Every structure is written in structure tokens, then in C-alpha cells.
N, C-alpha and C. Protein backbone atom coordinates (compact mmCIF):
# COMPACT_ATOMS: atom_id res chain seq x y z
N MET A 1 -35.04 -9.77 -41.50
CA MET A 1 -35.13 -8.33 -41.50
C MET A 1 -33.99 -7.81 -42.38
N GLU A 2 -34.28 -6.87 -43.21
CA GLU A 2 -33.27 -6.29 -44.09
C GLU A 2 -33.12 -4.81 -43.77
N VAL A 3 -31.88 -4.41 -43.78
CA VAL A 3 -31.59 -3.00 -43.56
C VAL A 3 -30.91 -2.51 -44.82
N GLY A 4 -31.39 -1.47 -45.40
CA GLY A 4 -30.82 -0.98 -46.64
C GLY A 4 -30.00 0.27 -46.43
N ARG A 5 -28.94 0.36 -47.18
CA ARG A 5 -28.09 1.53 -47.11
C ARG A 5 -27.65 1.84 -48.53
N VAL A 6 -27.60 3.06 -48.87
CA VAL A 6 -27.26 3.43 -50.24
C VAL A 6 -25.89 4.06 -50.24
N GLN A 7 -25.04 3.56 -51.16
CA GLN A 7 -23.70 4.11 -51.30
C GLN A 7 -23.44 4.40 -52.77
N PRO A 8 -22.59 5.36 -53.01
CA PRO A 8 -22.27 5.64 -54.43
C PRO A 8 -21.53 4.45 -55.04
N SER A 9 -21.82 4.13 -56.30
CA SER A 9 -21.13 3.03 -56.97
C SER A 9 -19.82 3.55 -57.54
N ARG A 10 -18.91 2.62 -57.72
CA ARG A 10 -17.58 3.00 -58.21
C ARG A 10 -17.36 2.35 -59.59
N VAL A 11 -16.65 3.06 -60.42
CA VAL A 11 -16.28 2.52 -61.73
C VAL A 11 -14.78 2.33 -61.75
N ARG A 12 -14.28 1.93 -62.89
CA ARG A 12 -12.84 1.72 -63.00
C ARG A 12 -12.06 2.91 -62.47
N GLY A 13 -10.98 2.59 -61.74
CA GLY A 13 -10.15 3.65 -61.20
C GLY A 13 -10.56 4.06 -59.80
N GLY A 14 -11.66 3.60 -59.29
CA GLY A 14 -12.05 3.84 -57.92
C GLY A 14 -12.80 5.13 -57.68
N ALA A 15 -13.00 5.96 -58.64
CA ALA A 15 -13.71 7.23 -58.44
C ALA A 15 -15.21 6.98 -58.52
N PRO A 16 -16.01 7.55 -57.63
CA PRO A 16 -17.45 7.34 -57.70
C PRO A 16 -18.04 8.00 -58.95
N GLN A 17 -19.04 7.31 -59.51
CA GLN A 17 -19.70 7.85 -60.69
C GLN A 17 -20.90 8.67 -60.21
N VAL A 18 -21.02 9.83 -60.71
CA VAL A 18 -22.05 10.75 -60.27
C VAL A 18 -23.42 10.26 -60.76
N GLY A 19 -24.38 10.22 -59.81
CA GLY A 19 -25.76 9.93 -60.16
C GLY A 19 -26.14 8.45 -60.10
N THR A 20 -25.22 7.54 -59.94
CA THR A 20 -25.57 6.12 -59.87
C THR A 20 -25.28 5.60 -58.48
N TYR A 21 -26.19 4.81 -57.94
CA TYR A 21 -26.05 4.26 -56.59
C TYR A 21 -26.41 2.79 -56.60
N THR A 22 -25.78 2.02 -55.70
CA THR A 22 -26.14 0.62 -55.51
C THR A 22 -26.68 0.44 -54.12
N LYS A 23 -27.62 -0.48 -53.96
CA LYS A 23 -28.24 -0.73 -52.67
C LYS A 23 -27.52 -1.90 -52.01
N ILE A 24 -27.05 -1.68 -50.77
CA ILE A 24 -26.38 -2.74 -50.00
C ILE A 24 -27.35 -3.19 -48.94
N THR A 25 -27.58 -4.47 -48.87
CA THR A 25 -28.50 -5.00 -47.86
C THR A 25 -27.74 -5.88 -46.89
N THR A 26 -28.17 -5.84 -45.63
CA THR A 26 -27.58 -6.67 -44.59
C THR A 26 -28.70 -7.41 -43.90
N GLU A 27 -28.52 -8.72 -43.75
CA GLU A 27 -29.52 -9.51 -43.05
C GLU A 27 -29.09 -9.72 -41.62
N ILE A 28 -30.01 -9.53 -40.71
CA ILE A 28 -29.76 -9.81 -39.29
C ILE A 28 -30.73 -10.91 -38.90
N THR A 29 -30.18 -11.98 -38.41
CA THR A 29 -31.04 -13.12 -38.07
C THR A 29 -31.69 -12.91 -36.72
N ASN A 30 -32.74 -13.65 -36.47
CA ASN A 30 -33.46 -13.57 -35.20
C ASN A 30 -32.59 -14.00 -34.03
N THR A 31 -31.68 -14.94 -34.23
CA THR A 31 -30.83 -15.40 -33.12
C THR A 31 -29.87 -14.30 -32.69
N GLU A 32 -29.38 -13.50 -33.62
CA GLU A 32 -28.50 -12.40 -33.26
C GLU A 32 -29.23 -11.37 -32.41
N ILE A 33 -30.48 -11.09 -32.76
CA ILE A 33 -31.27 -10.14 -31.99
C ILE A 33 -31.54 -10.70 -30.60
N THR A 34 -31.87 -11.97 -30.50
CA THR A 34 -32.12 -12.61 -29.20
C THR A 34 -30.87 -12.60 -28.34
N ASN A 35 -29.71 -12.88 -28.92
CA ASN A 35 -28.45 -12.86 -28.16
C ASN A 35 -28.15 -11.47 -27.62
N LYS A 36 -28.44 -10.45 -28.41
CA LYS A 36 -28.21 -9.09 -27.93
C LYS A 36 -29.12 -8.76 -26.75
N LYS A 37 -30.37 -9.18 -26.83
CA LYS A 37 -31.30 -8.93 -25.74
C LYS A 37 -30.85 -9.62 -24.47
N ASN A 38 -30.39 -10.87 -24.59
CA ASN A 38 -29.95 -11.63 -23.41
C ASN A 38 -28.68 -11.04 -22.79
N SER A 39 -27.80 -10.49 -23.60
CA SER A 39 -26.56 -9.95 -23.06
C SER A 39 -26.79 -8.64 -22.29
N ASN A 40 -27.90 -7.98 -22.57
CA ASN A 40 -28.20 -6.73 -21.88
C ASN A 40 -28.90 -6.94 -20.54
N ARG A 41 -29.29 -8.15 -20.24
CA ARG A 41 -29.98 -8.41 -18.98
C ARG A 41 -29.02 -8.28 -17.81
N LYS A 42 -29.48 -7.71 -16.74
CA LYS A 42 -28.68 -7.56 -15.53
C LYS A 42 -28.69 -8.86 -14.75
N ARG A 43 -27.59 -9.14 -14.09
CA ARG A 43 -27.52 -10.32 -13.24
C ARG A 43 -28.25 -10.04 -11.94
N VAL A 44 -28.82 -11.08 -11.39
CA VAL A 44 -29.47 -10.99 -10.10
C VAL A 44 -28.69 -11.89 -9.16
N TYR A 45 -28.23 -11.32 -8.06
CA TYR A 45 -27.39 -12.06 -7.12
C TYR A 45 -28.19 -12.49 -5.90
N ASP A 46 -27.96 -13.69 -5.48
CA ASP A 46 -28.58 -14.21 -4.27
C ASP A 46 -27.91 -13.55 -3.06
N GLU A 47 -28.67 -13.30 -2.02
CA GLU A 47 -28.11 -12.64 -0.84
C GLU A 47 -27.04 -13.47 -0.15
N SER A 48 -27.01 -14.76 -0.40
CA SER A 48 -25.99 -15.61 0.23
C SER A 48 -24.72 -15.71 -0.62
N SER A 49 -24.72 -15.13 -1.83
CA SER A 49 -23.52 -15.20 -2.68
C SER A 49 -22.41 -14.34 -2.10
N VAL A 50 -21.17 -14.73 -2.37
CA VAL A 50 -20.02 -14.00 -1.84
C VAL A 50 -19.98 -12.57 -2.40
N HIS A 51 -20.41 -12.40 -3.65
CA HIS A 51 -20.40 -11.07 -4.27
C HIS A 51 -21.37 -10.13 -3.53
N TYR A 52 -22.54 -10.64 -3.26
CA TYR A 52 -23.55 -9.85 -2.56
C TYR A 52 -23.09 -9.55 -1.13
N GLN A 53 -22.53 -10.55 -0.47
CA GLN A 53 -22.10 -10.38 0.92
C GLN A 53 -21.01 -9.31 1.03
N LEU A 54 -20.06 -9.30 0.10
CA LEU A 54 -19.00 -8.29 0.13
C LEU A 54 -19.56 -6.90 -0.17
N ALA A 55 -20.48 -6.82 -1.11
CA ALA A 55 -21.11 -5.53 -1.41
C ALA A 55 -21.88 -5.02 -0.19
N TYR A 56 -22.57 -5.93 0.46
CA TYR A 56 -23.34 -5.56 1.64
C TYR A 56 -22.41 -5.15 2.79
N ARG A 57 -21.25 -5.79 2.88
CA ARG A 57 -20.26 -5.42 3.91
C ARG A 57 -19.82 -3.96 3.73
N LEU A 58 -19.54 -3.58 2.50
CA LEU A 58 -19.15 -2.19 2.25
C LEU A 58 -20.29 -1.25 2.62
N TYR A 59 -21.50 -1.60 2.27
CA TYR A 59 -22.66 -0.76 2.60
C TYR A 59 -22.79 -0.60 4.12
N GLN A 60 -22.63 -1.68 4.86
CA GLN A 60 -22.73 -1.62 6.33
C GLN A 60 -21.63 -0.74 6.93
N LYS A 61 -20.42 -0.83 6.39
CA LYS A 61 -19.30 -0.01 6.88
C LYS A 61 -19.57 1.47 6.61
N ILE A 62 -20.15 1.77 5.45
CA ILE A 62 -20.47 3.16 5.12
C ILE A 62 -21.55 3.69 6.06
N LEU A 63 -22.51 2.84 6.40
CA LEU A 63 -23.60 3.25 7.29
C LEU A 63 -23.09 3.62 8.69
N ILE A 64 -21.98 3.06 9.12
CA ILE A 64 -21.43 3.38 10.44
C ILE A 64 -21.11 4.88 10.51
N ASP A 65 -20.51 5.43 9.46
CA ASP A 65 -20.17 6.85 9.44
C ASP A 65 -21.31 7.74 8.98
N ASP A 66 -22.16 7.21 8.11
CA ASP A 66 -23.26 8.01 7.56
C ASP A 66 -24.55 7.20 7.58
N PRO A 67 -25.28 7.23 8.68
CA PRO A 67 -26.51 6.44 8.78
C PRO A 67 -27.58 6.83 7.76
N SER A 68 -27.48 8.01 7.17
CA SER A 68 -28.48 8.44 6.19
C SER A 68 -28.07 8.08 4.76
N PHE A 69 -27.01 7.29 4.60
CA PHE A 69 -26.54 6.90 3.26
C PHE A 69 -27.63 6.10 2.56
N LYS A 70 -27.96 6.50 1.35
CA LYS A 70 -29.04 5.86 0.59
C LYS A 70 -28.63 4.44 0.20
N GLN A 71 -29.56 3.49 0.36
CA GLN A 71 -29.25 2.11 0.02
C GLN A 71 -29.08 1.99 -1.49
N PRO A 72 -27.95 1.45 -1.91
CA PRO A 72 -27.68 1.34 -3.35
C PRO A 72 -28.39 0.11 -3.94
N ASN A 73 -28.29 -0.02 -5.23
CA ASN A 73 -28.76 -1.23 -5.91
C ASN A 73 -27.71 -2.30 -5.62
N MET A 74 -28.04 -3.23 -4.75
CA MET A 74 -27.06 -4.22 -4.30
C MET A 74 -26.64 -5.16 -5.42
N ASN A 75 -27.49 -5.37 -6.42
CA ASN A 75 -27.09 -6.21 -7.55
C ASN A 75 -26.00 -5.54 -8.38
N THR A 76 -26.11 -4.23 -8.55
CA THR A 76 -25.08 -3.49 -9.27
C THR A 76 -23.76 -3.53 -8.50
N TRP A 77 -23.86 -3.33 -7.20
CA TRP A 77 -22.66 -3.39 -6.36
C TRP A 77 -22.06 -4.79 -6.37
N ALA A 78 -22.90 -5.81 -6.28
CA ALA A 78 -22.40 -7.19 -6.30
C ALA A 78 -21.75 -7.51 -7.64
N ASP A 79 -22.27 -6.93 -8.72
CA ASP A 79 -21.67 -7.17 -10.03
C ASP A 79 -20.27 -6.58 -10.10
N CYS A 80 -20.05 -5.43 -9.48
CA CYS A 80 -18.69 -4.84 -9.45
C CYS A 80 -17.74 -5.75 -8.66
N ILE A 81 -18.24 -6.33 -7.60
CA ILE A 81 -17.42 -7.27 -6.82
C ILE A 81 -17.08 -8.48 -7.68
N ARG A 82 -18.07 -8.98 -8.43
CA ARG A 82 -17.82 -10.12 -9.32
C ARG A 82 -16.74 -9.78 -10.34
N LEU A 83 -16.81 -8.58 -10.91
CA LEU A 83 -15.79 -8.16 -11.87
C LEU A 83 -14.41 -8.07 -11.23
N MET A 84 -14.37 -7.60 -9.99
CA MET A 84 -13.08 -7.54 -9.28
C MET A 84 -12.48 -8.94 -9.14
N MET A 85 -13.36 -9.91 -8.88
CA MET A 85 -12.88 -11.27 -8.68
C MET A 85 -12.53 -11.95 -10.01
N GLU A 86 -13.37 -11.79 -11.01
CA GLU A 86 -13.17 -12.49 -12.27
C GLU A 86 -12.18 -11.80 -13.20
N GLN A 87 -12.29 -10.50 -13.35
CA GLN A 87 -11.42 -9.81 -14.31
C GLN A 87 -10.14 -9.29 -13.68
N ASP A 88 -10.21 -8.86 -12.42
CA ASP A 88 -9.04 -8.29 -11.76
C ASP A 88 -8.27 -9.32 -10.93
N ASP A 89 -8.78 -10.55 -10.86
CA ASP A 89 -8.14 -11.65 -10.12
C ASP A 89 -7.91 -11.32 -8.65
N ARG A 90 -8.89 -10.75 -8.02
CA ARG A 90 -8.81 -10.47 -6.58
C ARG A 90 -9.60 -11.55 -5.85
N THR A 91 -9.09 -11.98 -4.71
CA THR A 91 -9.80 -12.98 -3.92
C THR A 91 -10.81 -12.30 -3.01
N ALA A 92 -11.72 -13.09 -2.48
CA ALA A 92 -12.73 -12.55 -1.57
C ALA A 92 -12.05 -11.97 -0.32
N GLU A 93 -10.99 -12.64 0.14
CA GLU A 93 -10.26 -12.16 1.32
C GLU A 93 -9.59 -10.82 1.05
N GLN A 94 -9.01 -10.67 -0.13
CA GLN A 94 -8.38 -9.40 -0.49
C GLN A 94 -9.41 -8.27 -0.54
N ILE A 95 -10.54 -8.55 -1.16
CA ILE A 95 -11.59 -7.53 -1.28
C ILE A 95 -12.13 -7.17 0.10
N GLU A 96 -12.31 -8.17 0.95
CA GLU A 96 -12.78 -7.91 2.31
C GLU A 96 -11.79 -7.03 3.06
N TYR A 97 -10.50 -7.32 2.92
CA TYR A 97 -9.47 -6.52 3.58
C TYR A 97 -9.49 -5.08 3.05
N LEU A 98 -9.63 -4.93 1.73
CA LEU A 98 -9.68 -3.59 1.14
C LEU A 98 -10.88 -2.81 1.66
N ILE A 99 -12.02 -3.48 1.78
CA ILE A 99 -13.22 -2.81 2.30
C ILE A 99 -12.98 -2.34 3.73
N ASP A 100 -12.48 -3.25 4.57
CA ASP A 100 -12.26 -2.91 5.98
C ASP A 100 -11.22 -1.80 6.13
N TRP A 101 -10.12 -1.92 5.40
CA TRP A 101 -9.05 -0.93 5.52
C TRP A 101 -9.51 0.43 5.01
N SER A 102 -10.18 0.44 3.86
CA SER A 102 -10.59 1.73 3.28
C SER A 102 -11.60 2.45 4.17
N GLN A 103 -12.41 1.69 4.91
CA GLN A 103 -13.41 2.33 5.75
C GLN A 103 -12.88 2.69 7.13
N THR A 104 -11.63 2.32 7.44
CA THR A 104 -11.00 2.78 8.68
C THR A 104 -10.01 3.91 8.41
N ASN A 105 -9.59 4.07 7.17
CA ASN A 105 -8.67 5.13 6.80
C ASN A 105 -9.44 6.44 6.65
N SER A 106 -8.95 7.48 7.30
CA SER A 106 -9.69 8.75 7.32
C SER A 106 -9.85 9.36 5.92
N PHE A 107 -8.88 9.18 5.05
CA PHE A 107 -8.99 9.73 3.70
C PHE A 107 -9.90 8.88 2.82
N TRP A 108 -9.65 7.57 2.80
CA TRP A 108 -10.34 6.71 1.84
C TRP A 108 -11.80 6.45 2.19
N LYS A 109 -12.17 6.55 3.46
CA LYS A 109 -13.58 6.26 3.78
C LYS A 109 -14.52 7.30 3.19
N SER A 110 -14.03 8.49 2.92
CA SER A 110 -14.88 9.50 2.28
C SER A 110 -14.81 9.41 0.75
N ASN A 111 -13.89 8.60 0.23
CA ASN A 111 -13.74 8.47 -1.22
C ASN A 111 -14.26 7.14 -1.76
N ILE A 112 -14.25 6.11 -0.96
CA ILE A 112 -14.75 4.80 -1.40
C ILE A 112 -16.18 4.66 -0.88
N LEU A 113 -17.13 5.08 -1.69
CA LEU A 113 -18.54 5.04 -1.31
C LEU A 113 -19.35 4.15 -2.24
N SER A 114 -18.66 3.32 -3.01
CA SER A 114 -19.33 2.35 -3.87
C SER A 114 -18.34 1.27 -4.25
N THR A 115 -18.88 0.14 -4.70
CA THR A 115 -17.98 -0.94 -5.12
C THR A 115 -17.30 -0.58 -6.44
N LYS A 116 -17.94 0.26 -7.23
CA LYS A 116 -17.32 0.72 -8.48
C LYS A 116 -16.05 1.50 -8.16
N LYS A 117 -16.13 2.41 -7.19
CA LYS A 117 -14.96 3.20 -6.80
C LYS A 117 -13.91 2.31 -6.12
N LEU A 118 -14.38 1.32 -5.36
CA LEU A 118 -13.45 0.37 -4.74
C LEU A 118 -12.66 -0.36 -5.81
N ARG A 119 -13.34 -0.77 -6.86
CA ARG A 119 -12.66 -1.48 -7.95
C ARG A 119 -11.67 -0.56 -8.67
N GLU A 120 -12.07 0.68 -8.92
CA GLU A 120 -11.19 1.64 -9.60
C GLU A 120 -9.92 1.89 -8.80
N LYS A 121 -10.05 2.02 -7.49
CA LYS A 121 -8.93 2.43 -6.64
C LYS A 121 -8.24 1.26 -5.94
N ALA A 122 -8.58 0.03 -6.28
CA ALA A 122 -8.03 -1.13 -5.58
C ALA A 122 -6.50 -1.16 -5.64
N THR A 123 -5.93 -0.94 -6.79
CA THR A 123 -4.46 -0.97 -6.92
C THR A 123 -3.83 0.15 -6.10
N THR A 124 -4.40 1.31 -6.11
CA THR A 124 -3.88 2.43 -5.31
C THR A 124 -3.96 2.10 -3.82
N LEU A 125 -5.07 1.53 -3.41
CA LEU A 125 -5.23 1.14 -2.00
C LEU A 125 -4.18 0.11 -1.60
N ILE A 126 -3.97 -0.89 -2.45
CA ILE A 126 -2.99 -1.93 -2.14
C ILE A 126 -1.60 -1.33 -2.00
N ARG A 127 -1.25 -0.43 -2.89
CA ARG A 127 0.07 0.22 -2.79
C ARG A 127 0.21 1.03 -1.51
N GLN A 128 -0.84 1.72 -1.14
CA GLN A 128 -0.77 2.52 0.09
C GLN A 128 -0.70 1.62 1.32
N ILE A 129 -1.42 0.53 1.32
CA ILE A 129 -1.37 -0.42 2.44
C ILE A 129 0.04 -0.98 2.57
N LYS A 130 0.64 -1.36 1.46
CA LYS A 130 2.00 -1.91 1.49
C LYS A 130 2.99 -0.87 1.99
N ALA A 131 2.84 0.36 1.55
CA ALA A 131 3.75 1.43 1.98
C ALA A 131 3.63 1.68 3.48
N GLU A 132 2.40 1.69 3.99
CA GLU A 132 2.20 1.91 5.43
C GLU A 132 2.75 0.75 6.24
N ASN A 133 2.55 -0.48 5.76
CA ASN A 133 3.08 -1.65 6.47
C ASN A 133 4.60 -1.63 6.49
N ALA A 134 5.22 -1.24 5.39
CA ALA A 134 6.68 -1.15 5.34
C ALA A 134 7.19 -0.08 6.30
N LYS A 135 6.47 1.03 6.36
CA LYS A 135 6.86 2.12 7.25
C LYS A 135 6.75 1.68 8.71
N GLU A 136 5.67 0.96 9.06
CA GLU A 136 5.50 0.47 10.42
C GLU A 136 6.58 -0.55 10.79
N ASN A 137 6.88 -1.46 9.86
CA ASN A 137 7.91 -2.46 10.12
C ASN A 137 9.28 -1.81 10.30
N LYS A 138 9.55 -0.78 9.55
CA LYS A 138 10.82 -0.07 9.67
C LYS A 138 10.92 0.62 11.03
N ALA A 139 9.80 1.17 11.49
CA ALA A 139 9.78 1.86 12.79
C ALA A 139 9.91 0.87 13.94
N LYS A 140 9.35 -0.32 13.77
CA LYS A 140 9.40 -1.32 14.84
C LYS A 140 10.79 -1.93 15.00
N SER A 141 11.48 -2.18 13.90
CA SER A 141 12.81 -2.79 13.99
C SER A 141 13.85 -1.69 14.02
N PRO A 142 14.49 -1.49 15.18
CA PRO A 142 15.47 -0.41 15.27
C PRO A 142 16.71 -0.74 14.44
N SER A 143 17.12 0.21 13.69
CA SER A 143 18.32 0.07 12.88
C SER A 143 19.52 0.43 13.74
N PRO A 144 20.48 -0.47 13.89
CA PRO A 144 21.60 -0.19 14.78
C PRO A 144 22.44 1.01 14.35
N ILE A 145 22.51 1.29 13.11
CA ILE A 145 23.34 2.40 12.63
C ILE A 145 22.67 3.73 12.91
N LYS A 146 21.38 3.83 12.67
CA LYS A 146 20.70 5.11 12.81
C LYS A 146 20.45 5.51 14.26
N HIS A 147 20.27 4.55 15.16
CA HIS A 147 19.88 4.88 16.52
C HIS A 147 21.05 5.02 17.48
N ARG A 148 22.24 4.70 17.05
CA ARG A 148 23.40 4.86 17.93
C ARG A 148 23.87 6.29 17.90
N GLN A 149 24.40 6.71 19.03
CA GLN A 149 24.98 8.04 19.08
C GLN A 149 26.48 7.86 19.10
N GLY A 150 27.15 8.54 18.22
CA GLY A 150 28.59 8.37 18.11
C GLY A 150 28.90 7.11 17.33
N ARG A 151 30.15 6.70 17.39
CA ARG A 151 30.49 5.48 16.68
C ARG A 151 31.01 4.44 17.66
N THR A 152 30.86 3.22 17.32
CA THR A 152 31.28 2.12 18.18
C THR A 152 32.63 1.62 17.70
N GLU A 153 33.55 1.45 18.63
CA GLU A 153 34.86 0.94 18.28
C GLU A 153 35.13 -0.34 19.05
N VAL A 154 35.91 -1.19 18.45
CA VAL A 154 36.32 -2.42 19.10
C VAL A 154 37.59 -2.11 19.89
N VAL A 155 37.57 -2.39 21.19
CA VAL A 155 38.71 -2.11 22.05
C VAL A 155 39.36 -3.42 22.49
N PRO A 156 40.66 -3.40 22.65
CA PRO A 156 41.33 -4.63 23.09
C PRO A 156 40.94 -5.00 24.52
N GLU A 157 41.19 -6.25 24.86
CA GLU A 157 40.81 -6.77 26.17
C GLU A 157 41.51 -6.03 27.31
N TRP A 158 42.77 -5.68 27.12
CA TRP A 158 43.53 -5.02 28.18
C TRP A 158 42.92 -3.69 28.59
N PHE A 159 42.19 -3.04 27.62
CA PHE A 159 41.60 -1.75 27.92
C PHE A 159 40.58 -1.87 29.06
N HIS A 160 39.80 -2.94 29.04
CA HIS A 160 38.80 -3.15 30.09
C HIS A 160 39.46 -3.54 31.41
N LYS A 161 40.64 -4.14 31.35
CA LYS A 161 41.30 -4.60 32.57
C LYS A 161 42.19 -3.53 33.19
N ARG A 162 42.41 -2.43 32.55
CA ARG A 162 43.33 -1.41 33.04
C ARG A 162 42.92 -0.86 34.40
N ASN A 163 41.62 -0.73 34.66
CA ASN A 163 41.15 -0.20 35.93
C ASN A 163 41.10 -1.26 37.02
N GLU A 164 41.13 -2.53 36.63
CA GLU A 164 41.07 -3.60 37.62
C GLU A 164 42.33 -3.59 38.49
N ASP A 165 43.52 -3.34 37.90
CA ASP A 165 44.77 -3.31 38.67
C ASP A 165 44.74 -2.18 39.69
N ARG A 166 44.29 -1.02 39.32
CA ARG A 166 44.23 0.11 40.23
C ARG A 166 43.20 -0.13 41.34
N ALA A 167 42.08 -0.73 40.98
CA ALA A 167 41.05 -0.99 41.99
C ALA A 167 41.58 -1.93 43.06
N GLU A 168 42.39 -2.92 42.67
CA GLU A 168 42.94 -3.86 43.65
C GLU A 168 43.90 -3.15 44.59
N THR A 169 44.73 -2.25 44.08
CA THR A 169 45.68 -1.56 44.95
C THR A 169 44.97 -0.65 45.93
N VAL A 170 43.89 -0.03 45.50
CA VAL A 170 43.15 0.84 46.39
C VAL A 170 42.48 0.01 47.48
N GLU A 171 41.99 -1.14 47.12
CA GLU A 171 41.32 -1.99 48.10
C GLU A 171 42.31 -2.52 49.14
N VAL A 172 43.53 -2.82 48.71
CA VAL A 172 44.53 -3.38 49.63
C VAL A 172 44.98 -2.33 50.63
N SER A 173 45.36 -1.19 50.15
CA SER A 173 45.77 -0.14 51.08
C SER A 173 44.72 0.95 51.05
N GLN A 174 43.88 0.95 52.02
CA GLN A 174 42.77 1.88 52.07
C GLN A 174 43.23 3.31 52.32
N GLU A 175 44.33 3.46 53.00
CA GLU A 175 44.79 4.81 53.31
C GLU A 175 45.79 5.27 52.26
N ILE A 176 45.54 6.43 51.70
CA ILE A 176 46.45 7.00 50.71
C ILE A 176 46.95 8.31 51.29
N ASP A 177 48.25 8.50 51.22
CA ASP A 177 48.85 9.72 51.72
C ASP A 177 48.80 10.74 50.58
N PHE A 178 47.77 11.60 50.63
CA PHE A 178 47.57 12.56 49.57
C PHE A 178 48.70 13.59 49.50
N GLU A 179 49.26 13.92 50.63
CA GLU A 179 50.35 14.90 50.64
C GLU A 179 51.56 14.34 49.93
N ALA A 180 51.86 13.07 50.15
CA ALA A 180 53.00 12.43 49.50
C ALA A 180 52.76 12.34 47.98
N GLU A 181 51.55 12.05 47.60
CA GLU A 181 51.21 11.96 46.18
C GLU A 181 51.35 13.33 45.52
N ARG A 182 50.97 14.39 46.24
CA ARG A 182 51.06 15.74 45.71
C ARG A 182 52.52 16.14 45.50
N LYS A 183 53.37 15.77 46.46
CA LYS A 183 54.79 16.11 46.36
C LYS A 183 55.42 15.39 45.17
N LYS A 184 55.02 14.12 44.94
CA LYS A 184 55.57 13.35 43.82
C LYS A 184 55.19 14.02 42.49
N ILE A 185 53.95 14.48 42.41
CA ILE A 185 53.48 15.12 41.19
C ILE A 185 54.22 16.43 40.97
N LEU A 186 54.42 17.21 42.04
CA LEU A 186 55.13 18.49 41.90
C LEU A 186 56.58 18.26 41.49
N GLU A 187 57.25 17.23 42.07
CA GLU A 187 58.63 16.91 41.69
C GLU A 187 58.71 16.53 40.21
N THR A 188 57.70 15.74 39.75
CA THR A 188 57.69 15.34 38.35
C THR A 188 57.50 16.55 37.46
N LEU A 189 56.63 17.45 37.85
CA LEU A 189 56.41 18.66 37.07
C LEU A 189 57.65 19.56 37.08
N GLY A 190 58.33 19.59 38.22
CA GLY A 190 59.54 20.41 38.33
C GLY A 190 60.63 19.87 37.41
N ARG A 191 60.75 18.56 37.32
CA ARG A 191 61.74 17.96 36.43
C ARG A 191 61.39 18.28 34.97
N ILE A 192 60.12 18.26 34.65
CA ILE A 192 59.69 18.56 33.29
C ILE A 192 60.02 20.01 32.98
N ASP A 193 59.79 20.96 33.96
CA ASP A 193 60.09 22.37 33.73
C ASP A 193 61.59 22.57 33.55
N LYS A 194 62.45 21.89 34.36
CA LYS A 194 63.90 22.03 34.25
C LYS A 194 64.38 21.50 32.93
N ASN A 195 63.83 20.37 32.50
CA ASN A 195 64.24 19.78 31.21
C ASN A 195 63.81 20.63 30.04
N ALA A 196 62.66 21.30 30.18
CA ALA A 196 62.15 22.12 29.10
C ALA A 196 62.98 23.39 28.94
N GLN A 197 63.63 23.86 30.04
CA GLN A 197 64.39 25.11 29.94
C GLN A 197 65.73 24.77 29.42
């Protein structure tokens, strides 16, 4: 098969010459045409293939929220899953997790309604999942600095023992003469007042 195209001819200096044209022909072989036809054919996926199963999983999850959701072309959906696996290097487990997570998230379940959209938003979904997991882990592990009230100081051993000596004296002599103690305190205060004047 020959395809003809007419272009202006050029003379010395590269400027086209007015009124003269040359015919350029291009041959296309039958094998090139056959290869183009074969490349345009859609793939057909077996229902037991992992690509089809993952596409069907997304469809089933969507049906839980919207039973009237129109059944998509499962081969087209399976092809998007294949592209996620082959071109985007995602594993079947990762895709399954993304499907399950996106259909339990209140925002994403209304936005991921096809495998094409799942493929487009996969990186965004992964980032959001990681951010939520980090937030949950931070909330679960209490940070000692943030949850303490006040500041913690290291106290010497004697500080804890200071009340032990007094407790022993109180236990030994159960009766305390409060009047005598009051007089001692007043005498001490009186000495302080005399010294201050």
C-alpha cells in the first residue's frame, strides 16, 4: 500500500521553489498493519485470575454501600489491576489492602468507585494510611514528657527517710503533751521577737 504526500521541493539555499512539487511515498507493510490490529485487542481475563478477583472484590465492596451500582466491564477493571501490578509494582496483597481500606474509609469509599480511580489514587491512599497508623501508634504509646504534670526531680535518699524518724518517735510515745509543745513554740517565737528588736 502506498500513501502519497506532496511537499514543495527545495533548491539551493533551502528556500522552496514556487510551482514545483515532489511526491513522497511511504510503504506500509501488511505485517505492520496486522501488528497494529493485534495491539488494539482488549485482554480477556479468566474469572480465576488474580486481576479479575481483585477487581471483583472492589465491585463487591461497592455493592455493600450501593446495591444499585451498575456492574462494570470486569475485563477493563481487571486490566487496571494488572497495570497496577506490572507498571506500578504493587503486590496483590497491597492492592487488596487498599481496596478494603478505601471502602471502609468514609471519604474514600465515595471516591474510589473503579479500579482506574484506585490506581490513580493509590499513592495518596498509601500516604494517608501511613499517616493514620503513625498517629494511632503515637496515641497508644504515652510520651513520658508530654503526659507528666509538673517536672520530675531526683531527690536524695535521706529525703524519703526524713519522715521515718518522726514516725518512730510518735509510735514509741503515743501521748504528746500539746500544751508543752505550744509553750516551746511560743518561747522560740518570743526569743526571735526579742532578737529582732
